[in-house]
């Protein structure tokens, strides 16, 4: 799902919404009560946030035929992209999403037991590259395609038994002004 409308992008700005979006776009289908537990809010406050996200098509009802008391929610797509980075709303929403995702990854590091056999696979890389605009566009596209190739056909509800959820965080952020980089 690609968001371009600044009003839809602003709908992402709340930390509780970010947490819910992260889980739903991770492949989970959750009720308002489950979302409330994740976000640390009351079910009624969470329902307000869910309806706001649904109004912009960011999330949707998973099944309209279920019991009215526990209607689940899901992501309508595999990923959420903010394409209006050049707008103030786009940059602010991206920053809010990045902060929330970084905080969640830090929590995952803290929650990992000392004797976890997967710990040796954890990595964090920080790289500065000097790229032309077309090279940066290609890099972003190729990295996204690579990540998507591992995601295809696997969801929180449907994945091989030997798999484990692995969080990735991808950010391409131009630094400085073009005149400062010559």
N, C-alpha and C. Protein backbone atom coordinates (compact mmCIF):
# COMPACT_ATOMS: atom_id res chain seq x y z
N UNK A 1 0.84 -1.16 0.00
CA UNK A 1 0.00 0.00 0.00
C UNK A 1 0.89 1.23 0.00
N UNK A 2 0.64 2.14 -0.91
CA UNK A 2 1.42 3.37 -1.01
C UNK A 2 0.53 4.53 -0.62
N UNK A 3 0.96 5.28 0.37
CA UNK A 3 0.21 6.46 0.83
C UNK A 3 0.82 7.72 0.23
N UNK A 4 -0.04 8.54 -0.37
CA UNK A 4 0.41 9.81 -0.93
C UNK A 4 -0.37 11.00 -0.35
N UNK A 5 -1.58 10.75 0.14
CA UNK A 5 -2.43 11.81 0.68
C UNK A 5 -1.89 12.26 2.04
N UNK A 6 -1.55 13.54 2.19
CA UNK A 6 -1.02 14.02 3.48
C UNK A 6 -1.95 13.75 4.66
N UNK A 7 -3.27 13.74 4.44
CA UNK A 7 -4.20 13.45 5.53
C UNK A 7 -4.09 11.99 5.97
N UNK A 8 -3.94 11.10 5.01
CA UNK A 8 -3.76 9.67 5.35
C UNK A 8 -2.44 9.47 6.07
N UNK A 9 -1.42 10.18 5.63
CA UNK A 9 -0.10 10.07 6.25
C UNK A 9 -0.15 10.56 7.69
N UNK A 10 -0.89 11.65 7.93
CA UNK A 10 -1.02 12.16 9.30
C UNK A 10 -1.72 11.15 10.21
N UNK A 11 -2.56 10.29 9.63
CA UNK A 11 -3.26 9.28 10.43
C UNK A 11 -2.28 8.29 11.05
N UNK A 12 -1.06 8.24 10.56
CA UNK A 12 -0.04 7.31 11.07
C UNK A 12 0.71 7.87 12.27
N UNK A 13 0.51 9.13 12.60
CA UNK A 13 1.38 9.83 13.54
C UNK A 13 1.27 9.42 15.00
N UNK A 14 0.33 8.61 15.37
CA UNK A 14 0.15 8.23 16.78
C UNK A 14 0.91 6.94 17.10
N UNK A 15 1.67 6.90 18.21
CA UNK A 15 2.45 5.69 18.55
C UNK A 15 1.60 4.42 18.67
N UNK A 16 0.39 4.53 19.19
CA UNK A 16 -0.47 3.34 19.31
C UNK A 16 -0.83 2.82 17.92
N UNK A 17 -1.11 3.74 17.02
CA UNK A 17 -1.43 3.32 15.64
C UNK A 17 -0.22 2.66 14.99
N UNK A 18 0.95 3.19 15.27
CA UNK A 18 2.18 2.61 14.70
C UNK A 18 2.37 1.17 15.17
N UNK A 19 2.13 0.93 16.44
CA UNK A 19 2.30 -0.42 17.00
C UNK A 19 1.30 -1.39 16.37
N UNK A 20 0.07 -0.94 16.21
CA UNK A 20 -0.97 -1.77 15.60
C UNK A 20 -0.63 -2.05 14.14
N UNK A 21 -0.24 -1.01 13.41
CA UNK A 21 0.12 -1.17 12.00
C UNK A 21 1.27 -2.15 11.85
N UNK A 22 2.25 -2.05 12.72
CA UNK A 22 3.42 -2.94 12.65
C UNK A 22 2.98 -4.40 12.76
N UNK A 23 2.08 -4.69 13.67
CA UNK A 23 1.62 -6.08 13.84
C UNK A 23 0.74 -6.53 12.68
N UNK A 24 -0.18 -5.67 12.25
CA UNK A 24 -1.08 -6.06 11.16
C UNK A 24 -0.32 -6.23 9.85
N UNK A 25 0.63 -5.34 9.57
CA UNK A 25 1.42 -5.48 8.34
C UNK A 25 2.47 -6.57 8.48
N UNK A 26 2.64 -7.10 9.67
CA UNK A 26 3.48 -8.27 9.88
C UNK A 26 2.73 -9.56 9.62
N UNK A 27 1.47 -9.44 9.23
CA UNK A 27 0.68 -10.60 8.85
C UNK A 27 -0.32 -11.07 9.87
N UNK A 28 -0.41 -10.40 11.00
CA UNK A 28 -1.37 -10.82 12.02
C UNK A 28 -2.76 -10.29 11.70
N UNK A 29 -3.75 -11.00 12.17
CA UNK A 29 -5.15 -10.58 12.13
C UNK A 29 -5.56 -10.47 13.59
N UNK A 30 -5.96 -9.26 14.01
CA UNK A 30 -6.20 -9.00 15.42
C UNK A 30 -7.55 -8.34 15.65
N UNK A 31 -8.14 -8.63 16.79
CA UNK A 31 -9.37 -7.95 17.20
C UNK A 31 -9.01 -6.62 17.86
N UNK A 32 -10.02 -5.79 18.07
CA UNK A 32 -9.79 -4.50 18.74
C UNK A 32 -9.24 -4.74 20.14
N UNK A 33 -9.71 -5.77 20.83
CA UNK A 33 -9.23 -6.08 22.17
C UNK A 33 -7.74 -6.45 22.14
N UNK A 34 -7.35 -7.26 21.17
CA UNK A 34 -5.93 -7.63 21.05
C UNK A 34 -5.08 -6.42 20.68
N UNK A 35 -5.60 -5.57 19.82
CA UNK A 35 -4.88 -4.34 19.46
C UNK A 35 -4.73 -3.43 20.68
N UNK A 36 -5.76 -3.37 21.52
CA UNK A 36 -5.72 -2.54 22.73
C UNK A 36 -4.61 -3.03 23.66
N UNK A 37 -4.48 -4.34 23.81
CA UNK A 37 -3.42 -4.90 24.66
C UNK A 37 -2.04 -4.53 24.12
N UNK A 38 -1.87 -4.62 22.80
CA UNK A 38 -0.59 -4.26 22.17
C UNK A 38 -0.24 -2.79 22.39
N UNK A 39 -1.25 -1.93 22.19
CA UNK A 39 -1.03 -0.49 22.22
C UNK A 39 -1.08 0.10 23.63
N UNK A 40 -1.53 -0.69 24.61
CA UNK A 40 -1.63 -0.18 25.97
C UNK A 40 -2.74 0.83 26.14
N UNK A 41 -3.83 0.65 25.39
CA UNK A 41 -4.98 1.55 25.45
C UNK A 41 -6.22 0.77 25.84
N UNK A 42 -7.28 1.51 26.14
CA UNK A 42 -8.56 0.86 26.39
C UNK A 42 -9.13 0.37 25.05
N UNK A 43 -9.99 -0.63 25.08
CA UNK A 43 -10.61 -1.09 23.82
C UNK A 43 -11.38 0.02 23.10
N UNK A 44 -12.05 0.91 23.85
CA UNK A 44 -12.81 1.97 23.18
C UNK A 44 -11.86 2.98 22.50
N UNK A 45 -10.76 3.34 23.16
CA UNK A 45 -9.79 4.24 22.54
C UNK A 45 -9.16 3.58 21.32
N UNK A 46 -8.88 2.29 21.43
CA UNK A 46 -8.29 1.56 20.32
C UNK A 46 -9.25 1.48 19.14
N UNK A 47 -10.53 1.28 19.41
CA UNK A 47 -11.53 1.24 18.35
C UNK A 47 -11.55 2.55 17.57
N UNK A 48 -11.40 3.67 18.27
CA UNK A 48 -11.31 4.98 17.61
C UNK A 48 -10.13 5.00 16.64
N UNK A 49 -8.96 4.54 17.10
CA UNK A 49 -7.77 4.53 16.25
C UNK A 49 -7.93 3.58 15.06
N UNK A 50 -8.54 2.42 15.30
CA UNK A 50 -8.75 1.46 14.21
C UNK A 50 -9.67 2.04 13.14
N UNK A 51 -10.73 2.70 13.56
CA UNK A 51 -11.65 3.31 12.59
C UNK A 51 -10.96 4.42 11.80
N UNK A 52 -10.09 5.18 12.47
CA UNK A 52 -9.36 6.26 11.77
C UNK A 52 -8.43 5.66 10.71
N UNK A 53 -7.75 4.58 11.04
CA UNK A 53 -6.87 3.92 10.08
C UNK A 53 -7.67 3.31 8.93
N UNK A 54 -8.82 2.74 9.26
CA UNK A 54 -9.67 2.12 8.23
C UNK A 54 -10.24 3.18 7.29
N UNK A 55 -10.54 4.36 7.81
CA UNK A 55 -11.09 5.44 6.98
C UNK A 55 -10.16 5.77 5.81
N UNK A 56 -8.86 5.63 6.01
CA UNK A 56 -7.88 5.93 4.96
C UNK A 56 -7.43 4.67 4.21
N UNK A 57 -8.05 3.53 4.51
CA UNK A 57 -7.71 2.30 3.81
C UNK A 57 -6.40 1.67 4.27
N UNK A 58 -5.86 2.14 5.39
CA UNK A 58 -4.58 1.63 5.90
C UNK A 58 -4.76 0.24 6.49
N UNK A 59 -5.94 -0.01 7.09
CA UNK A 59 -6.31 -1.35 7.58
C UNK A 59 -7.74 -1.61 7.15
N UNK A 60 -8.18 -2.87 7.31
CA UNK A 60 -9.54 -3.22 6.95
C UNK A 60 -10.05 -4.34 7.83
N UNK A 61 -11.36 -4.55 7.81
CA UNK A 61 -11.96 -5.67 8.53
C UNK A 61 -11.50 -6.96 7.86
N UNK A 62 -11.17 -7.95 8.67
CA UNK A 62 -10.70 -9.22 8.12
C UNK A 62 -11.85 -10.08 7.66
N UNK A 63 -12.98 -10.03 8.35
CA UNK A 63 -14.11 -10.87 8.00
C UNK A 63 -15.37 -10.21 8.52
N UNK A 64 -16.22 -9.79 7.62
CA UNK A 64 -17.43 -9.08 8.04
C UNK A 64 -18.53 -10.01 8.51
N UNK A 65 -18.34 -11.32 8.32
CA UNK A 65 -19.39 -12.26 8.72
C UNK A 65 -19.22 -12.80 10.13
N UNK A 66 -18.19 -12.39 10.84
CA UNK A 66 -17.94 -12.93 12.18
C UNK A 66 -18.82 -12.25 13.22
N UNK A 67 -18.75 -12.75 14.41
CA UNK A 67 -19.47 -12.22 15.55
C UNK A 67 -19.19 -10.72 15.68
N UNK A 68 -20.20 -9.91 15.80
CA UNK A 68 -20.05 -8.46 15.85
C UNK A 68 -19.22 -7.95 17.01
N UNK A 69 -19.10 -8.74 18.08
CA UNK A 69 -18.35 -8.28 19.25
C UNK A 69 -16.85 -8.36 19.03
N UNK A 70 -16.38 -9.31 18.26
CA UNK A 70 -14.95 -9.50 18.07
C UNK A 70 -14.61 -9.55 16.58
N UNK A 71 -14.75 -8.43 15.92
CA UNK A 71 -14.46 -8.36 14.49
C UNK A 71 -12.96 -8.12 14.30
N UNK A 72 -12.28 -9.02 13.63
CA UNK A 72 -10.83 -8.86 13.46
C UNK A 72 -10.47 -7.84 12.38
N UNK A 73 -9.26 -7.33 12.48
CA UNK A 73 -8.71 -6.35 11.54
C UNK A 73 -7.48 -6.96 10.89
N UNK A 74 -7.15 -6.49 9.69
CA UNK A 74 -5.96 -6.95 8.97
C UNK A 74 -5.42 -5.82 8.09
N UNK A 75 -4.22 -6.04 7.60
CA UNK A 75 -3.63 -5.12 6.63
C UNK A 75 -4.13 -5.51 5.25
N UNK A 76 -4.45 -4.54 4.40
CA UNK A 76 -4.93 -4.85 3.06
C UNK A 76 -3.80 -5.14 2.07
N UNK A 77 -2.55 -5.01 2.53
CA UNK A 77 -1.39 -5.21 1.65
C UNK A 77 -0.24 -5.80 2.47
N UNK A 78 0.83 -6.17 1.80
CA UNK A 78 1.99 -6.74 2.48
C UNK A 78 2.88 -5.69 3.12
N UNK A 79 2.86 -4.48 2.57
CA UNK A 79 3.72 -3.44 3.12
C UNK A 79 3.04 -2.08 3.01
N UNK A 80 3.56 -1.15 3.76
CA UNK A 80 3.05 0.22 3.80
C UNK A 80 4.19 1.16 3.45
N UNK A 81 4.01 1.95 2.41
CA UNK A 81 5.05 2.86 1.94
C UNK A 81 4.49 4.28 1.94
N UNK A 82 5.28 5.20 2.45
CA UNK A 82 4.91 6.61 2.40
C UNK A 82 5.69 7.22 1.24
N UNK A 83 4.98 7.59 0.18
CA UNK A 83 5.69 8.10 -0.99
C UNK A 83 5.81 9.62 -0.98
N UNK A 84 5.06 10.30 -0.14
CA UNK A 84 5.12 11.76 -0.10
C UNK A 84 6.19 12.24 0.88
N UNK A 85 7.40 11.74 0.72
CA UNK A 85 8.49 12.12 1.61
C UNK A 85 8.82 13.60 1.48
N UNK A 86 8.52 14.18 0.32
CA UNK A 86 8.89 15.57 0.11
C UNK A 86 7.96 16.54 0.82
N UNK A 87 6.86 16.05 1.37
CA UNK A 87 5.97 16.93 2.12
C UNK A 87 6.34 16.88 3.60
N UNK A 88 6.00 17.91 4.30
CA UNK A 88 6.27 17.94 5.74
C UNK A 88 5.54 16.79 6.45
N UNK A 89 4.27 16.56 6.08
CA UNK A 89 3.49 15.47 6.69
C UNK A 89 4.16 14.13 6.42
N UNK A 90 4.65 13.94 5.20
CA UNK A 90 5.31 12.68 4.85
C UNK A 90 6.57 12.46 5.65
N UNK A 91 7.38 13.50 5.79
CA UNK A 91 8.62 13.38 6.57
C UNK A 91 8.33 13.13 8.04
N UNK A 92 7.35 13.85 8.60
CA UNK A 92 7.01 13.67 10.01
C UNK A 92 6.45 12.27 10.27
N UNK A 93 5.60 11.78 9.37
CA UNK A 93 5.06 10.42 9.54
C UNK A 93 6.17 9.39 9.42
N UNK A 94 7.06 9.58 8.47
CA UNK A 94 8.20 8.65 8.32
C UNK A 94 9.07 8.65 9.56
N UNK A 95 9.33 9.82 10.12
CA UNK A 95 10.14 9.91 11.33
C UNK A 95 9.45 9.21 12.50
N UNK A 96 8.14 9.42 12.63
CA UNK A 96 7.40 8.77 13.72
C UNK A 96 7.42 7.26 13.56
N UNK A 97 7.23 6.78 12.33
CA UNK A 97 7.26 5.34 12.08
C UNK A 97 8.65 4.78 12.35
N UNK A 98 9.68 5.48 11.95
CA UNK A 98 11.05 5.02 12.17
C UNK A 98 11.37 4.95 13.66
N UNK A 99 10.97 5.97 14.42
CA UNK A 99 11.20 5.94 15.87
C UNK A 99 10.52 4.74 16.52
N UNK A 100 9.27 4.50 16.14
CA UNK A 100 8.51 3.38 16.71
C UNK A 100 9.17 2.05 16.33
N UNK A 101 9.59 1.92 15.09
CA UNK A 101 10.21 0.67 14.64
C UNK A 101 11.55 0.46 15.34
N UNK A 102 12.35 1.50 15.46
CA UNK A 102 13.63 1.39 16.16
C UNK A 102 13.39 0.98 17.61
N UNK A 103 12.42 1.59 18.27
CA UNK A 103 12.11 1.22 19.66
C UNK A 103 11.70 -0.24 19.75
N UNK A 104 10.91 -0.73 18.79
CA UNK A 104 10.48 -2.13 18.82
C UNK A 104 11.66 -3.07 18.60
N UNK A 105 12.57 -2.72 17.71
CA UNK A 105 13.76 -3.56 17.47
C UNK A 105 14.63 -3.59 18.73
N UNK A 106 14.79 -2.46 19.41
CA UNK A 106 15.55 -2.41 20.66
C UNK A 106 14.89 -3.32 21.70
N UNK A 107 13.55 -3.27 21.79
CA UNK A 107 12.83 -4.16 22.71
C UNK A 107 13.10 -5.61 22.38
N UNK A 108 13.14 -5.95 21.10
CA UNK A 108 13.40 -7.33 20.71
C UNK A 108 14.80 -7.77 21.15
N UNK A 109 15.78 -6.89 21.03
CA UNK A 109 17.13 -7.20 21.53
C UNK A 109 17.09 -7.45 23.03
N UNK A 110 16.37 -6.60 23.76
CA UNK A 110 16.29 -6.73 25.22
C UNK A 110 15.56 -8.00 25.65
N UNK A 111 14.57 -8.43 24.86
CA UNK A 111 13.79 -9.61 25.20
C UNK A 111 14.49 -10.92 24.85
N UNK A 112 15.54 -10.86 24.02
CA UNK A 112 16.20 -12.08 23.57
C UNK A 112 17.00 -12.70 24.71
N UNK A 113 16.76 -13.98 25.01
CA UNK A 113 17.51 -14.64 26.09
C UNK A 113 19.01 -14.71 25.75
N UNK A 114 19.84 -14.71 26.78
CA UNK A 114 21.29 -14.75 26.58
C UNK A 114 21.75 -15.99 25.82
N UNK A 115 21.03 -17.10 25.98
CA UNK A 115 21.44 -18.35 25.35
C UNK A 115 20.69 -18.64 24.04
N UNK A 116 20.09 -17.62 23.45
CA UNK A 116 19.32 -17.80 22.21
C UNK A 116 20.27 -18.17 21.07
N UNK A 117 20.07 -19.32 20.41
CA UNK A 117 20.97 -19.73 19.34
C UNK A 117 20.90 -18.83 18.10
N UNK A 118 19.87 -18.05 17.97
CA UNK A 118 19.74 -17.14 16.84
C UNK A 118 20.45 -15.81 17.09
N UNK A 119 20.92 -15.57 18.31
CA UNK A 119 21.54 -14.30 18.67
C UNK A 119 22.71 -13.95 17.75
N UNK A 120 23.48 -14.95 17.34
CA UNK A 120 24.64 -14.69 16.47
C UNK A 120 24.24 -14.16 15.10
N UNK A 121 22.97 -14.29 14.73
CA UNK A 121 22.50 -13.79 13.44
C UNK A 121 22.08 -12.32 13.50
N UNK A 122 21.92 -11.79 14.70
CA UNK A 122 21.52 -10.39 14.85
C UNK A 122 22.62 -9.49 14.31
N UNK A 123 22.21 -8.48 13.58
CA UNK A 123 23.20 -7.53 13.09
C UNK A 123 22.58 -6.16 12.92
N UNK A 124 23.42 -5.18 12.93
CA UNK A 124 23.03 -3.81 12.66
C UNK A 124 24.14 -3.21 11.84
N UNK A 125 23.78 -2.65 10.72
CA UNK A 125 24.78 -2.06 9.85
C UNK A 125 24.42 -0.60 9.58
N UNK A 126 25.41 0.24 9.61
CA UNK A 126 25.24 1.65 9.32
C UNK A 126 26.25 1.99 8.23
N UNK A 127 25.76 2.37 7.09
CA UNK A 127 26.64 2.62 5.95
C UNK A 127 26.31 3.97 5.32
N UNK A 128 27.34 4.69 4.95
CA UNK A 128 27.15 5.93 4.19
C UNK A 128 27.68 5.69 2.78
N UNK A 129 26.84 5.95 1.82
CA UNK A 129 27.20 5.76 0.42
C UNK A 129 27.12 7.09 -0.31
N UNK A 130 27.93 7.27 -1.31
CA UNK A 130 27.85 8.43 -2.19
C UNK A 130 27.21 7.95 -3.48
N UNK A 131 25.93 8.29 -3.65
CA UNK A 131 25.17 7.79 -4.78
C UNK A 131 24.54 8.92 -5.57
N UNK A 132 24.36 8.69 -6.85
CA UNK A 132 23.56 9.61 -7.65
C UNK A 132 22.10 9.33 -7.33
N UNK A 133 21.23 10.23 -7.72
CA UNK A 133 19.80 10.01 -7.47
C UNK A 133 19.32 8.72 -8.13
N UNK A 134 19.66 8.44 -9.39
CA UNK A 134 19.23 7.17 -9.99
C UNK A 134 19.81 5.94 -9.26
N UNK A 135 21.04 6.04 -8.78
CA UNK A 135 21.62 4.92 -8.03
C UNK A 135 20.87 4.69 -6.71
N UNK A 136 20.51 5.78 -6.02
CA UNK A 136 19.76 5.65 -4.77
C UNK A 136 18.38 5.05 -5.03
N UNK A 137 17.74 5.45 -6.12
CA UNK A 137 16.44 4.87 -6.48
C UNK A 137 16.57 3.38 -6.75
N UNK A 138 17.62 2.99 -7.48
CA UNK A 138 17.86 1.58 -7.79
C UNK A 138 18.14 0.79 -6.52
N UNK A 139 18.97 1.34 -5.64
CA UNK A 139 19.30 0.66 -4.39
C UNK A 139 18.03 0.41 -3.57
N UNK A 140 17.19 1.42 -3.42
CA UNK A 140 15.95 1.27 -2.67
C UNK A 140 15.06 0.21 -3.28
N UNK A 141 14.93 0.23 -4.59
CA UNK A 141 14.09 -0.76 -5.29
C UNK A 141 14.65 -2.16 -5.11
N UNK A 142 15.96 -2.33 -5.28
CA UNK A 142 16.57 -3.66 -5.18
C UNK A 142 16.49 -4.22 -3.75
N UNK A 143 16.71 -3.39 -2.76
CA UNK A 143 16.61 -3.85 -1.37
C UNK A 143 15.18 -4.25 -1.02
N UNK A 144 14.22 -3.45 -1.47
CA UNK A 144 12.82 -3.76 -1.23
C UNK A 144 12.44 -5.07 -1.91
N UNK A 145 12.89 -5.27 -3.15
CA UNK A 145 12.60 -6.51 -3.87
C UNK A 145 13.23 -7.71 -3.17
N UNK A 146 14.45 -7.55 -2.66
CA UNK A 146 15.12 -8.64 -1.95
C UNK A 146 14.33 -9.03 -0.70
N UNK A 147 13.93 -8.05 0.09
CA UNK A 147 13.15 -8.33 1.30
C UNK A 147 11.82 -8.97 0.93
N UNK A 148 11.16 -8.45 -0.11
CA UNK A 148 9.88 -9.01 -0.54
C UNK A 148 10.02 -10.46 -0.99
N UNK A 149 11.16 -10.83 -1.56
CA UNK A 149 11.36 -12.21 -2.02
C UNK A 149 11.36 -13.19 -0.85
N UNK A 150 11.75 -12.75 0.33
CA UNK A 150 11.72 -13.61 1.52
C UNK A 150 10.34 -13.61 2.18
N UNK A 151 9.55 -12.60 1.90
CA UNK A 151 8.24 -12.46 2.53
C UNK A 151 7.16 -13.24 1.79
N UNK A 152 7.29 -13.43 0.50
CA UNK A 152 6.24 -14.03 -0.33
C UNK A 152 5.72 -15.34 0.24
N UNK A 153 4.40 -15.38 0.41
CA UNK A 153 3.74 -16.60 0.85
C UNK A 153 3.89 -16.92 2.32
N UNK A 154 4.55 -16.06 3.06
CA UNK A 154 4.73 -16.32 4.50
C UNK A 154 4.08 -15.21 5.30
N UNK A 155 3.23 -15.63 6.22
CA UNK A 155 2.56 -14.68 7.09
C UNK A 155 2.65 -15.19 8.52
N UNK A 156 2.15 -14.41 9.46
CA UNK A 156 2.13 -14.85 10.86
C UNK A 156 1.31 -16.13 11.00
N UNK A 157 0.30 -16.31 10.15
CA UNK A 157 -0.55 -17.49 10.22
C UNK A 157 -0.11 -18.63 9.30
N UNK A 158 0.78 -18.34 8.34
CA UNK A 158 1.15 -19.34 7.35
C UNK A 158 2.64 -19.24 7.03
N UNK A 159 3.42 -20.09 7.69
CA UNK A 159 4.86 -20.11 7.46
C UNK A 159 5.42 -21.47 7.89
N UNK A 160 6.57 -21.87 7.34
CA UNK A 160 7.16 -23.16 7.73
C UNK A 160 7.46 -23.20 9.24
N UNK A 161 7.36 -24.39 9.81
CA UNK A 161 7.53 -24.57 11.25
C UNK A 161 8.92 -24.15 11.74
N UNK A 162 9.94 -24.26 10.92
CA UNK A 162 11.30 -23.95 11.36
C UNK A 162 11.64 -22.47 11.25
N UNK A 163 10.69 -21.65 10.80
CA UNK A 163 10.98 -20.22 10.65
C UNK A 163 10.76 -19.48 11.95
N UNK A 164 11.28 -18.28 11.99
CA UNK A 164 11.13 -17.40 13.15
C UNK A 164 10.98 -15.98 12.62
N UNK A 165 10.18 -15.19 13.28
CA UNK A 165 10.02 -13.80 12.84
C UNK A 165 11.35 -13.07 13.00
N UNK A 166 11.75 -12.37 11.94
CA UNK A 166 12.97 -11.58 11.94
C UNK A 166 12.59 -10.17 11.50
N UNK A 167 12.91 -9.18 12.31
CA UNK A 167 12.59 -7.79 11.96
C UNK A 167 13.69 -7.20 11.09
N UNK A 168 13.27 -6.46 10.09
CA UNK A 168 14.22 -5.72 9.26
C UNK A 168 13.82 -4.25 9.30
N UNK A 169 14.76 -3.41 9.10
CA UNK A 169 14.53 -1.97 9.11
C UNK A 169 15.35 -1.38 7.99
N UNK A 170 14.70 -0.77 7.04
CA UNK A 170 15.38 -0.21 5.88
C UNK A 170 15.06 1.27 5.79
N UNK A 171 16.08 2.09 5.75
CA UNK A 171 15.89 3.53 5.60
C UNK A 171 16.97 4.07 4.67
N UNK A 172 16.55 4.74 3.64
CA UNK A 172 17.46 5.47 2.77
C UNK A 172 17.17 6.94 2.99
N UNK A 173 18.13 7.67 3.52
CA UNK A 173 17.90 9.07 3.87
C UNK A 173 19.05 9.91 3.32
N UNK A 174 18.78 10.76 2.33
CA UNK A 174 19.82 11.65 1.83
C UNK A 174 20.31 12.59 2.94
N UNK A 175 21.60 12.81 3.00
CA UNK A 175 22.17 13.66 4.04
C UNK A 175 22.62 14.99 3.43
N UNK A 176 22.38 16.06 4.14
CA UNK A 176 22.83 17.38 3.72
C UNK A 176 22.13 17.86 2.47
N UNK A 177 22.51 19.04 2.04
CA UNK A 177 21.97 19.62 0.81
C UNK A 177 22.90 19.25 -0.33
N UNK A 178 22.38 19.17 -1.55
CA UNK A 178 23.23 18.81 -2.69
C UNK A 178 24.48 19.69 -2.81
N UNK A 179 24.37 20.99 -2.52
CA UNK A 179 25.54 21.87 -2.63
C UNK A 179 26.61 21.56 -1.60
N UNK A 180 26.21 20.94 -0.46
CA UNK A 180 27.16 20.59 0.58
C UNK A 180 27.91 19.31 0.25
N UNK A 181 27.45 18.56 -0.74
CA UNK A 181 28.02 17.25 -1.02
C UNK A 181 28.97 17.27 -2.22
N UNK A 182 29.23 18.43 -2.82
CA UNK A 182 30.08 18.44 -4.00
C UNK A 182 31.55 18.34 -3.66
